[in-house]
Structures are given as structure tokens and as C-alpha cells.
C-alpha atoms as a PDB file:
ATOM      1  CA  MET A   1     -44.201 214.859 144.625  1.00  0.00           C
ATOM      2  CA  ALA A   2     -41.567 217.510 144.053  1.00  0.00           C
ATOM      3  CA  GLY A   3     -41.422 216.430 140.437  1.00  0.00           C
ATOM      4  CA  MET A   4     -44.869 217.954 139.964  1.00  0.00           C
ATOM      5  CA  ILE A   5     -43.436 221.457 140.213  1.00  0.00           C
ATOM      6  CA  PRO A   6     -42.304 222.913 136.879  1.00  0.00           C
ATOM      7  CA  ASP A   7     -38.842 224.440 136.615  1.00  0.00           C
ATOM      8  CA  ILE A   8     -38.327 227.774 134.882  1.00  0.00           C
ATOM      9  CA  THR A   9     -35.031 228.377 133.097  1.00  0.00           C
ATOM     10  CA  LEU A  10     -33.370 231.666 134.006  1.00  0.00           C
ATOM     11  CA  ASN A  11     -31.366 233.857 131.619  1.00  0.00           C
ATOM     12  CA  ASP A  12     -28.079 232.467 132.996  1.00  0.00           C
ATOM     13  CA  GLY A  13     -29.069 228.866 132.192  1.00  0.00           C
ATOM     14  CA  THR A  14     -29.886 227.800 135.752  1.00  0.00           C
ATOM     15  CA  THR A  15     -33.386 226.660 136.707  1.00  0.00           C
ATOM     16  CA  ILE A  16     -35.742 227.656 139.501  1.00  0.00           C
ATOM     17  CA  PRO A  17     -38.795 225.734 140.774  1.00  0.00           C
ATOM     18  CA  GLN A  18     -41.885 227.780 139.902  1.00  0.00           C
ATOM     19  CA  LEU A  19     -43.448 227.141 143.311  1.00  0.00           C
ATOM     20  CA  GLY A  20     -41.515 227.839 146.495  1.00  0.00           C
ATOM     21  CA  PHE A  21     -42.104 228.379 150.183  1.00  0.00           C
ATOM     22  CA  GLY A  22     -41.834 231.891 151.650  1.00  0.00           C
ATOM     23  CA  VAL A  23     -40.841 232.722 155.224  1.00  0.00           C
ATOM     24  CA  PHE A  24     -41.578 236.464 155.390  1.00  0.00           C
ATOM     25  CA  GLN A  25     -43.040 237.344 158.802  1.00  0.00           C
ATOM     26  CA  ILE A  26     -42.706 233.782 160.091  1.00  0.00           C
ATOM     27  CA  ASP A  27     -41.434 233.959 163.672  1.00  0.00           C
ATOM     28  CA  PRO A  28     -37.882 232.589 163.853  1.00  0.00           C
ATOM     29  CA  ALA A  29     -39.087 230.170 166.538  1.00  0.00           C
ATOM     30  CA  GLN A  30     -41.514 228.630 164.016  1.00  0.00           C
ATOM     31  CA  THR A  31     -39.367 228.890 160.897  1.00  0.00           C
ATOM     32  CA  ALA A  32     -37.303 225.686 161.069  1.00  0.00           C
ATOM     33  CA  GLN A  33     -40.391 223.523 161.566  1.00  0.00           C
ATOM     34  CA  ALA A  34     -42.337 225.314 158.810  1.00  0.00           C
ATOM     35  CA  VAL A  35     -39.446 224.857 156.362  1.00  0.00           C
ATOM     36  CA  ARG A  36     -39.086 221.201 157.359  1.00  0.00           C
ATOM     37  CA  THR A  37     -42.832 220.672 156.830  1.00  0.00           C
ATOM     38  CA  ALA A  38     -42.710 222.326 153.399  1.00  0.00           C
ATOM     39  CA  LEU A  39     -39.745 220.238 152.294  1.00  0.00           C
ATOM     40  CA  ASP A  40     -41.382 217.048 153.580  1.00  0.00           C
ATOM     41  CA  ILE A  41     -44.485 217.886 151.504  1.00  0.00           C
ATOM     42  CA  GLY A  42     -42.364 218.332 148.382  1.00  0.00           C
ATOM     43  CA  TYR A  43     -41.354 221.986 148.091  1.00  0.00           C
ATOM     44  CA  ARG A  44     -37.762 222.396 146.910  1.00  0.00           C
ATOM     45  CA  HIS A  45     -37.431 226.195 146.869  1.00  0.00           C
ATOM     46  CA  ILE A  46     -37.202 228.399 149.977  1.00  0.00           C
ATOM     47  CA  ASP A  47     -37.291 232.221 149.865  1.00  0.00           C
ATOM     48  CA  THR A  48     -35.835 234.193 152.784  1.00  0.00           C
ATOM     49  CA  ALA A  49     -34.016 237.503 153.336  1.00  0.00           C
ATOM     50  CA  GLU A  50     -31.534 239.030 155.755  1.00  0.00           C
ATOM     51  CA  MET A  51     -34.191 241.477 156.944  1.00  0.00           C
ATOM     52  CA  TYR A  52     -36.589 238.638 157.825  1.00  0.00           C
ATOM     53  CA  GLY A  53     -34.293 237.658 160.686  1.00  0.00           C
ATOM     54  CA  ASN A  54     -34.779 233.929 160.154  1.00  0.00           C
ATOM     55  CA  GLU A  55     -31.999 232.788 157.814  1.00  0.00           C
ATOM     56  CA  ALA A  56     -30.347 230.585 160.459  1.00  0.00           C
ATOM     57  CA  GLU A  57     -33.671 228.867 161.135  1.00  0.00           C
ATOM     58  CA  VAL A  58     -34.221 228.318 157.395  1.00  0.00           C
ATOM     59  CA  GLY A  59     -30.839 226.578 157.287  1.00  0.00           C
ATOM     60  CA  ALA A  60     -31.791 224.461 160.293  1.00  0.00           C
ATOM     61  CA  GLY A  61     -35.056 223.448 158.635  1.00  0.00           C
ATOM     62  CA  VAL A  62     -33.274 222.442 155.424  1.00  0.00           C
ATOM     63  CA  ARG A  63     -30.776 220.339 157.376  1.00  0.00           C
ATOM     64  CA  ALA A  64     -33.561 218.740 159.447  1.00  0.00           C
ATOM     65  CA  ALA A  65     -35.318 217.625 156.264  1.00  0.00           C
ATOM     66  CA  GLY A  66     -32.245 215.542 155.410  1.00  0.00           C
ATOM     67  CA  LEU A  67     -32.057 216.640 151.782  1.00  0.00           C
ATOM     68  CA  ALA A  68     -28.845 217.208 149.870  1.00  0.00           C
ATOM     69  CA  ARG A  69     -27.982 220.900 149.600  1.00  0.00           C
ATOM     70  CA  GLU A  70     -28.142 220.791 145.805  1.00  0.00           C
ATOM     71  CA  ASP A  71     -31.727 219.540 145.977  1.00  0.00           C
ATOM     72  CA  VAL A  72     -33.028 222.706 147.652  1.00  0.00           C
ATOM     73  CA  PHE A  73     -33.121 226.071 145.864  1.00  0.00           C
ATOM     74  CA  ILE A  74     -32.407 228.799 148.448  1.00  0.00           C
ATOM     75  CA  THR A  75     -32.927 232.529 147.856  1.00  0.00           C
ATOM     76  CA  SER A  76     -31.946 235.370 150.158  1.00  0.00           C
ATOM     77  CA  LYS A  77     -31.780 239.143 149.805  1.00  0.00           C
ATOM     78  CA  LEU A  78     -29.429 241.973 150.718  1.00  0.00           C
ATOM     79  CA  HIS A  79     -30.179 243.998 153.839  1.00  0.00           C
ATOM     80  CA  ASN A  80     -31.269 247.577 153.017  1.00  0.00           C
ATOM     81  CA  GLY A  81     -28.599 248.924 155.353  1.00  0.00           C
ATOM     82  CA  CYS A  82     -25.795 247.175 153.462  1.00  0.00           C
ATOM     83  CA  HIS A  83     -25.774 248.626 149.947  1.00  0.00           C
ATOM     84  CA  ARG A  84     -22.226 250.009 150.118  1.00  0.00           C
ATOM     85  CA  PRO A  85     -19.798 247.514 148.556  1.00  0.00           C
ATOM     86  CA  ASP A  86     -17.890 246.400 151.664  1.00  0.00           C
ATOM     87  CA  ASP A  87     -21.125 246.255 153.666  1.00  0.00           C
ATOM     88  CA  ALA A  88     -22.745 244.149 150.941  1.00  0.00           C
ATOM     89  CA  ARG A  89     -19.801 241.732 150.926  1.00  0.00           C
ATOM     90  CA  ALA A  90     -19.955 241.375 154.712  1.00  0.00           C
ATOM     91  CA  ALA A  91     -23.729 240.930 154.641  1.00  0.00           C
ATOM     92  CA  PHE A  92     -23.478 238.216 151.997  1.00  0.00           C
ATOM     93  CA  ARG A  93     -20.878 236.366 154.062  1.00  0.00           C
ATOM     94  CA  SER A  94     -23.144 236.569 157.105  1.00  0.00           C
ATOM     95  CA  THR A  95     -26.052 235.147 155.069  1.00  0.00           C
ATOM     96  CA  LEU A  96     -23.948 232.168 153.986  1.00  0.00           C
ATOM     97  CA  ASP A  97     -22.796 231.674 157.597  1.00  0.00           C
ATOM     98  CA  ALA A  98     -26.357 231.883 158.972  1.00  0.00           C
ATOM     99  CA  LEU A  99     -27.645 229.357 156.435  1.00  0.00           C
ATOM    100  CA  ARG A 100     -24.486 227.240 156.864  1.00  0.00           C
ATOM    101  CA  THR A 101     -24.000 226.890 153.134  1.00  0.00           C
ATOM    102  CA  ASP A 102     -21.175 227.633 150.695  1.00  0.00           C
ATOM    103  CA  TYR A 103     -23.437 229.214 148.100  1.00  0.00           C
ATOM    104  CA  LEU A 104     -26.888 230.617 147.405  1.00  0.00           C
ATOM    105  CA  ASP A 105     -28.970 229.605 144.432  1.00  0.00           C
ATOM    106  CA  LEU A 106     -30.237 233.179 144.123  1.00  0.00           C
ATOM    107  CA  PHE A 107     -29.277 236.434 145.841  1.00  0.00           C
ATOM    108  CA  LEU A 108     -31.269 239.633 145.334  1.00  0.00           C
ATOM    109  CA  ILE A 109     -31.018 243.334 146.079  1.00  0.00           C
ATOM    110  CA  HIS A 110     -34.078 243.555 148.320  1.00  0.00           C
ATOM    111  CA  TRP A 111     -35.112 247.149 147.451  1.00  0.00           C
ATOM    112  CA  PRO A 112     -33.645 249.708 145.020  1.00  0.00           C
ATOM    113  CA  LEU A 113     -33.852 252.531 147.618  1.00  0.00           C
ATOM    114  CA  PRO A 114     -33.582 255.270 144.961  1.00  0.00           C
ATOM    115  CA  THR A 115     -33.695 258.027 147.605  1.00  0.00           C
ATOM    116  CA  ARG A 116     -30.792 256.491 149.583  1.00  0.00           C
ATOM    117  CA  TYR A 117     -27.093 256.010 148.819  1.00  0.00           C
ATOM    118  CA  GLY A 118     -27.180 258.901 146.369  1.00  0.00           C
ATOM    119  CA  GLY A 119     -29.605 256.861 144.278  1.00  0.00           C
ATOM    120  CA  ASP A 120     -26.806 254.442 143.376  1.00  0.00           C
ATOM    121  CA  PHE A 121     -27.986 250.836 143.262  1.00  0.00           C
ATOM    122  CA  VAL A 122     -25.767 250.102 140.240  1.00  0.00           C
ATOM    123  CA  THR A 123     -22.592 249.901 142.349  1.00  0.00           C
ATOM    124  CA  THR A 124     -24.427 247.524 144.678  1.00  0.00           C
ATOM    125  CA  TRP A 125     -25.499 245.413 141.714  1.00  0.00           C
ATOM    126  CA  LYS A 126     -21.884 245.183 140.548  1.00  0.00           C
ATOM    127  CA  VAL A 127     -20.990 243.652 143.916  1.00  0.00           C
ATOM    128  CA  LEU A 128     -23.647 240.986 143.297  1.00  0.00           C
ATOM    129  CA  GLU A 129     -21.994 240.385 139.920  1.00  0.00           C
ATOM    130  CA  GLU A 130     -18.825 239.604 141.923  1.00  0.00           C
ATOM    131  CA  PHE A 131     -20.702 237.017 143.965  1.00  0.00           C
ATOM    132  CA  LYS A 132     -21.909 235.341 140.783  1.00  0.00           C
ATOM    133  CA  ASP A 133     -18.474 235.449 139.165  1.00  0.00           C
ATOM    134  CA  GLY A 134     -17.027 233.786 142.255  1.00  0.00           C
ATOM    135  CA  GLY A 135     -19.654 231.035 142.265  1.00  0.00           C
ATOM    136  CA  ARG A 136     -21.024 231.875 145.692  1.00  0.00           C
ATOM    137  CA  ALA A 137     -24.312 233.002 144.130  1.00  0.00           C
ATOM    138  CA  ARG A 138     -25.441 230.768 141.282  1.00  0.00           C
ATOM    139  CA  SER A 139     -27.869 233.452 140.092  1.00  0.00           C
ATOM    140  CA  ILE A 140     -28.406 237.097 141.011  1.00  0.00           C
ATOM    141  CA  GLY A 141     -31.417 239.327 140.704  1.00  0.00           C
ATOM    142  CA  VAL A 142     -33.367 242.205 142.154  1.00  0.00           C
ATOM    143  CA  SER A 143     -36.546 242.762 144.095  1.00  0.00           C
ATOM    144  CA  ASN A 144     -39.022 245.622 143.908  1.00  0.00           C
ATOM    145  CA  PHE A 145     -37.281 247.218 140.911  1.00  0.00           C
ATOM    146  CA  GLN A 146     -39.414 249.417 138.702  1.00  0.00           C
ATOM    147  CA  VAL A 147     -38.922 249.743 134.931  1.00  0.00           C
ATOM    148  CA  PRO A 148     -36.629 252.821 135.158  1.00  0.00           C
ATOM    149  CA  HIS A 149     -34.448 251.015 137.714  1.00  0.00           C
ATOM    150  CA  LEU A 150     -34.159 248.014 135.398  1.00  0.00           C
ATOM    151  CA  GLU A 151     -33.400 250.250 132.421  1.00  0.00           C
ATOM    152  CA  ARG A 152     -30.588 251.868 134.360  1.00  0.00           C
ATOM    153  CA  LEU A 153     -29.032 248.476 135.139  1.00  0.00           C
ATOM    154  CA  ALA A 154     -29.318 247.573 131.455  1.00  0.00           C
ATOM    155  CA  ASP A 155     -27.402 250.745 130.568  1.00  0.00           C
ATOM    156  CA  GLU A 156     -24.716 250.654 133.248  1.00  0.00           C
ATOM    157  CA  ALA A 157     -24.136 247.042 134.356  1.00  0.00           C
ATOM    158  CA  ASP A 158     -22.785 243.880 132.734  1.00  0.00           C
ATOM    159  CA  LEU A 159     -25.430 241.359 133.741  1.00  0.00           C
ATOM    160  CA  VAL A 160     -29.197 241.412 133.353  1.00  0.00           C
ATOM    161  CA  PRO A 161     -30.952 240.323 136.573  1.00  0.00           C
ATOM    162  CA  ALA A 162     -32.157 236.728 136.416  1.00  0.00           C
ATOM    163  CA  VAL A 163     -35.318 237.628 138.329  1.00  0.00           C
ATOM    164  CA  ASN A 164     -37.238 240.615 139.640  1.00  0.00           C
ATOM    165  CA  GLN A 165     -39.270 239.815 142.742  1.00  0.00           C
ATOM    166  CA  ILE A 166     -42.188 242.254 142.896  1.00  0.00           C
ATOM    167  CA  GLU A 167     -45.562 242.670 144.508  1.00  0.00           C
ATOM    168  CA  ALA A 168     -48.132 241.097 142.185  1.00  0.00           C
ATOM    169  CA  HIS A 169     -51.612 239.713 142.808  1.00  0.00           C
ATOM    170  CA  PRO A 170     -55.117 240.065 141.331  1.00  0.00           C
ATOM    171  CA  TYR A 171     -55.663 243.507 142.896  1.00  0.00           C
ATOM    172  CA  PHE A 172     -52.261 244.753 141.654  1.00  0.00           C
ATOM    173  CA  THR A 173     -51.192 242.844 138.556  1.00  0.00           C
ATOM    174  CA  ASN A 174     -48.094 245.056 138.066  1.00  0.00           C
ATOM    175  CA  ASP A 175     -48.150 244.282 134.363  1.00  0.00           C
ATOM    176  CA  GLU A 176     -45.866 247.086 133.189  1.00  0.00           C
ATOM    177  CA  VAL A 177     -42.966 245.713 135.229  1.00  0.00           C
ATOM    178  CA  ARG A 178     -43.854 242.129 134.278  1.00  0.00           C
ATOM    179  CA  ALA A 179     -43.944 243.047 130.588  1.00  0.00           C
ATOM    180  CA  TYR A 180     -40.494 244.657 130.785  1.00  0.00           C
ATOM    181  CA  GLY A 181     -39.205 241.485 132.430  1.00  0.00           C
ATOM    182  CA  ALA A 182     -40.757 239.236 129.788  1.00  0.00           C
ATOM    183  CA  LYS A 183     -39.253 241.330 126.991  1.00  0.00           C
ATOM    184  CA  ASN A 184     -35.793 241.359 128.569  1.00  0.00           C
ATOM    185  CA  GLY A 185     -35.456 237.814 129.853  1.00  0.00           C
ATOM    186  CA  ILE A 186     -36.102 238.648 133.522  1.00  0.00           C
ATOM    187  CA  VAL A 187     -38.356 236.140 135.313  1.00  0.00           C
ATOM    188  CA  THR A 188     -41.010 237.704 137.543  1.00  0.00           C
ATOM    189  CA  GLN A 189     -41.424 236.409 141.063  1.00  0.00           C
ATOM    190  CA  ALA A 190     -44.669 237.524 142.694  1.00  0.00           C
ATOM    191  CA  TRP A 191     -44.530 238.357 146.372  1.00  0.00           C
ATOM    192  CA  SER A 192     -47.754 238.748 148.350  1.00  0.00           C
ATOM    193  CA  PRO A 193     -49.451 236.521 145.740  1.00  0.00           C
ATOM    194  CA  ILE A 194     -52.795 236.517 147.576  1.00  0.00           C
ATOM    195  CA  ALA A 195     -52.491 240.196 148.623  1.00  0.00           C
ATOM    196  CA  GLN A 196     -51.871 239.169 152.242  1.00  0.00           C
ATOM    197  CA  GLY A 197     -55.207 237.364 152.128  1.00  0.00           C
ATOM    198  CA  ALA A 198     -57.179 240.378 150.887  1.00  0.00           C
ATOM    199  CA  VAL A 199     -58.313 238.726 147.638  1.00  0.00           C
ATOM    200  CA  LEU A 200     -59.524 235.499 149.239  1.00  0.00           C
ATOM    201  CA  GLY A 201     -62.896 236.937 150.196  1.00  0.00           C
ATOM    202  CA  ASP A 202     -63.512 238.493 146.791  1.00  0.00           C
ATOM    203  CA  PRO A 203     -66.862 237.246 145.384  1.00  0.00           C
ATOM    204  CA  SER A 204     -65.329 236.740 141.960  1.00  0.00           C
ATOM    205  CA  ILE A 205     -62.599 234.486 143.396  1.00  0.00           C
ATOM    206  CA  ALA A 206     -65.114 232.627 145.584  1.00  0.00           C
ATOM    207  CA  ASP A 207     -67.269 232.013 142.510  1.00  0.00           C
ATOM    208  CA  LEU A 208     -64.364 230.573 140.540  1.00  0.00           C
ATOM    209  CA  ALA A 209     -63.277 228.425 143.482  1.00  0.00           C
ATOM    210  CA  GLU A 210     -66.725 226.903 143.629  1.00  0.00           C
ATOM    211  CA  GLN A 211     -66.754 226.290 139.881  1.00  0.00           C
ATOM    212  CA  VAL A 212     -63.448 224.394 139.875  1.00  0.00           C
ATOM    213  CA  GLY A 213     -63.832 222.732 143.266  1.00  0.00           C
ATOM    214  CA  ARG A 214     -60.762 224.386 144.768  1.00  0.00           C
ATOM    215  CA  THR A 215     -60.050 226.858 147.555  1.00  0.00           C
ATOM    216  CA  PRO A 216     -59.849 230.577 146.773  1.00  0.00           C
ATOM    217  CA  ALA A 217     -56.111 230.499 147.543  1.00  0.00           C
ATOM    218  CA  GLN A 218     -55.543 227.656 145.093  1.00  0.00           C
ATOM    219  CA  VAL A 219     -57.424 229.551 142.376  1.00  0.00           C
ATOM    220  CA  VAL A 220     -55.313 232.689 142.858  1.00  0.00           C
ATOM    221  CA  LEU A 221     -52.035 230.778 143.060  1.00  0.00           C
ATOM    222  CA  ARG A 222     -52.948 228.805 139.937  1.00  0.00           C
ATOM    223  CA  TRP A 223     -53.628 232.112 138.147  1.00  0.00           C
ATOM    224  CA  HIS A 224     -50.055 233.179 138.959  1.00  0.00           C
ATOM    225  CA  VAL A 225     -48.651 229.857 137.743  1.00  0.00           C
ATOM    226  CA  GLN A 226     -50.468 230.147 134.416  1.00  0.00           C
ATOM    227  CA  ARG A 227     -49.184 233.708 134.020  1.00  0.00           C
ATOM    228  CA  GLY A 228     -45.699 232.181 134.166  1.00  0.00           C
ATOM    229  CA  ASP A 229     -44.540 233.795 137.402  1.00  0.00           C
ATOM    230  CA  VAL A 230     -42.673 232.196 140.300  1.00  0.00           C
ATOM    231  CA  ILE A 231     -44.573 232.200 143.595  1.00  0.00           C
ATOM    232  CA  PHE A 232     -43.743 231.265 147.190  1.00  0.00           C
ATOM    233  CA  PRO A 233     -46.829 231.433 149.414  1.00  0.00           C
ATOM    234  CA  LYS A 234     -46.146 231.308 153.146  1.00  0.00           C
ATOM    235  CA  SER A 235     -47.944 229.641 156.019  1.00  0.00           C
ATOM    236  CA  VAL A 236     -47.108 227.928 159.285  1.00  0.00           C
ATOM    237  CA  THR A 237     -50.198 225.682 159.105  1.00  0.00           C
ATOM    238  CA  PRO A 238     -49.292 222.240 157.692  1.00  0.00           C
ATOM    239  CA  LYS A 239     -52.709 221.825 156.052  1.00  0.00           C
ATOM    240  CA  ARG A 240     -52.366 225.147 154.254  1.00  0.00           C
ATOM    241  CA  ILE A 241     -48.750 224.503 153.279  1.00  0.00           C
ATOM    242  CA  GLU A 242     -49.957 221.279 151.659  1.00  0.00           C
ATOM    243  CA  GLU A 243     -52.998 222.949 150.077  1.00  0.00           C
ATOM    244  CA  ASN A 244     -50.762 225.610 148.480  1.00  0.00           C
ATOM    245  CA  PHE A 245     -48.716 222.804 146.920  1.00  0.00           C
ATOM    246  CA  GLN A 246     -51.725 221.307 145.123  1.00  0.00           C
ATOM    247  CA  LEU A 247     -51.681 223.587 142.077  1.00  0.00           C
ATOM    248  CA  PHE A 248     -50.566 221.343 139.246  1.00  0.00           C
ATOM    249  CA  ASP A 249     -53.485 218.966 138.789  1.00  0.00           C
ATOM    250  CA  PHE A 250     -56.031 221.516 137.546  1.00  0.00           C
ATOM    251  CA  GLN A 251     -56.195 224.455 135.134  1.00  0.00           C
ATOM    252  CA  LEU A 252     -58.113 227.681 134.794  1.00  0.00           C
ATOM    253  CA  ASP A 253     -59.605 228.281 131.364  1.00  0.00           C
ATOM    254  CA  ASP A 254     -59.136 231.570 129.503  1.00  0.00           C
ATOM    255  CA  ALA A 255     -62.394 233.022 130.829  1.00  0.00           C
ATOM    256  CA  ALA A 256     -61.423 232.237 134.426  1.00  0.00           C
ATOM    257  CA  MET A 257     -57.960 233.745 133.939  1.00  0.00           C
ATOM    258  CA  GLU A 258     -59.549 236.906 132.561  1.00  0.00           C
ATOM    259  CA  GLN A 259     -62.045 237.029 135.446  1.00  0.00           C
ATOM    260  CA  VAL A 260     -59.159 237.126 137.934  1.00  0.00           C
ATOM    261  CA  THR A 261     -57.093 239.612 135.912  1.00  0.00           C
ATOM    262  CA  LEU A 262     -60.044 242.023 135.721  1.00  0.00           C
ATOM    263  CA  LEU A 263     -59.826 242.481 139.509  1.00  0.00           C
ATOM    264  CA  ASP A 264     -56.746 244.690 138.993  1.00  0.00           C
ATOM    265  CA  GLN A 265     -57.075 248.056 140.739  1.00  0.00           C
ATOM    266  CA  GLY A 266     -53.802 249.523 139.510  1.00  0.00           C
ATOM    267  CA  GLU A 267     -51.767 251.493 142.019  1.00  0.00           C
ATOM    268  CA  ALA A 268     -54.736 251.599 144.419  1.00  0.00           C
ATOM    269  CA  GLY A 269     -54.465 247.830 144.793  1.00  0.00           C
ATOM    270  CA  ARG A 270     -50.861 247.897 146.004  1.00  0.00           C
ATOM    271  CA  GLN A 271     -50.630 246.436 149.512  1.00  0.00           C
ATOM    272  CA  GLY A 272     -46.946 247.078 150.206  1.00  0.00           C
ATOM    273  CA  ALA A 273     -44.623 250.050 149.849  1.00  0.00           C
ATOM    274  CA  ASN A 274     -44.020 251.879 146.573  1.00  0.00           C
ATOM    275  CA  PRO A 275     -40.422 251.151 145.492  1.00  0.00           C
ATOM    276  CA  ASP A 276     -40.002 254.683 144.135  1.00  0.00           C
ATOM    277  CA  THR A 277     -40.299 256.163 147.627  1.00  0.00           C
ATOM    278  CA  PHE A 278     -39.561 253.297 150.025  1.00  0.00           C
ATOM    279  CA  ASP A 279     -36.455 254.173 152.015  1.00  0.00           C
ATOM    280  CA  TYR A 280     -36.590 251.976 155.129  1.00  0.00           C
ATOM    281  CA  LEU A 281     -33.243 251.201 156.736  1.00  0.00           C
ATOM    282  CA  PRO A 282     -33.669 248.814 159.679  1.00  0.00           C
ATOM    283  CA  THR A 283     -31.507 249.605 162.677  1.00  0.00           C
END
């Protein structure tokens, strides 16, 4: 079944499965089983982060599924408290240790934190370039970067991020950042693809779901897929994990795509923090 999922080629020549499984806010005690379930269903891409506190359990779930390491695409992200170079190196080592792997398929700066560290995320990015040069991160990217942040990396760094993982969903299509990515070879990954569930009760989505004989979640996730973005919905419910996988045997026509896109509320639709002001450093 995994062969159903399209791969997207990144700007460094590696590929990423367009559909993955996310573990944000999954209790560590439930994470290994959820990851195992997802991999058994056919997912081959797992998205975690140091700040999620469940990297070790992700690794356990991957091992429990009995798949070869090279058959599972694993992403993690740098802890907000570890942007200084030596801290970033130590944090990356601890991620590899927690996952019990020699490399990551993708490692991201989790947030730009422009009001922290003297506004310097470029030095942090250059440390990620080290990880890629050394082969311990096959690809590197960023998360929650706005257009000015990306422009600064373009001016001051050697490598263009392979991906930018941003909030994007029908209520907040985030098209300015997506358009910059498309123009500059940066793949968009959409986090919170169903707006933490907020869009599922929308009458417009319910109407489309009825028309195509799918669930509201499948309609929204299919919209993301047809926009060309990478998504990794999360759930601990096996039925829903399987349902979220069933996206590649139907299509939305142009009118349906437009109907979903018209739900955009701009900045008012944002569910998460604004990257320009977000400055959270976990203790």
C-alpha cells in the first residue's frame, strides 16, 4: 500500500513521501503504538521534534514495525532552546541517540525566533549545513519561516532549505509563503492541515464530503495533496490513521478545490503562533 503515496523530489535530489504521520501532542506512552500502527497501514514518513518529547518512542515504534531504516523517512526539529552552535550540535546528537539512528532524513529549525538570539537564525542554519555535509542529515530545512526569514537565508547562507514546514489549512492558506517556496525550490509542508479539527464542521467542507462520498478530513487532506504540499495528519485512533491514508483513489475537481480555497480567512484564520513574534523557549 505504501506505493500509493507519491514521492516529491527535494531541491537536493532526495525524495520525501507526500503523506506522512505526525506525532505532535501524542502522549509518549501512546507514541510507539501509534507509529507502529501507521507503518503497518503503509505510511513511510514520520514527523517528530525534540520539543514533542517523544523521539525515543518514535524510534521504538519504527523498530517494532520491523522495517529497514532506509524504508522509513524520519524528520525531527531543533529545540528552540538550542540555537547556539554548540547547543545545536549537542541537541542533534541527542535526537539521533533518542531515535537510535545514525542519520535523519530531514532535520529542521523548528522556529526562526527572530526576537531571540539577537535575531540570528543564520548561524544556526549554518550548523544544519554541517549536519548535511557530514551525512548525518540527508536533507535540511526550516519550519515556520516567513518570507523575510527565507530571503535572509538566501542572502547569507550556502544552501536553500529543502522544505519549509508551516501552518496551512483552508482557513489559513498561507499562500504568500507557499508561493515564495514554489518560486525558490522549497517544498511546503503543511502542519495543522485540518486546523486542529476546526474546518471539519464547516458546511462547505461537509457539502463537498457528501458530494464525493468521503469524510470531511479526507476532503481537506486531498485538497492539500492536490496543492502539492506534504502533509502528516496525526491521530492515535487506528481507524482514523487508516482513513487519513486513503487519499489517493479520488480527486477533487477544480470547482471543489476552489470551494475549499475560498474558506481562507487570512491572518484571522491562523490557529497557531505567529512566527514573527513567537519566542517560546521551553525550560
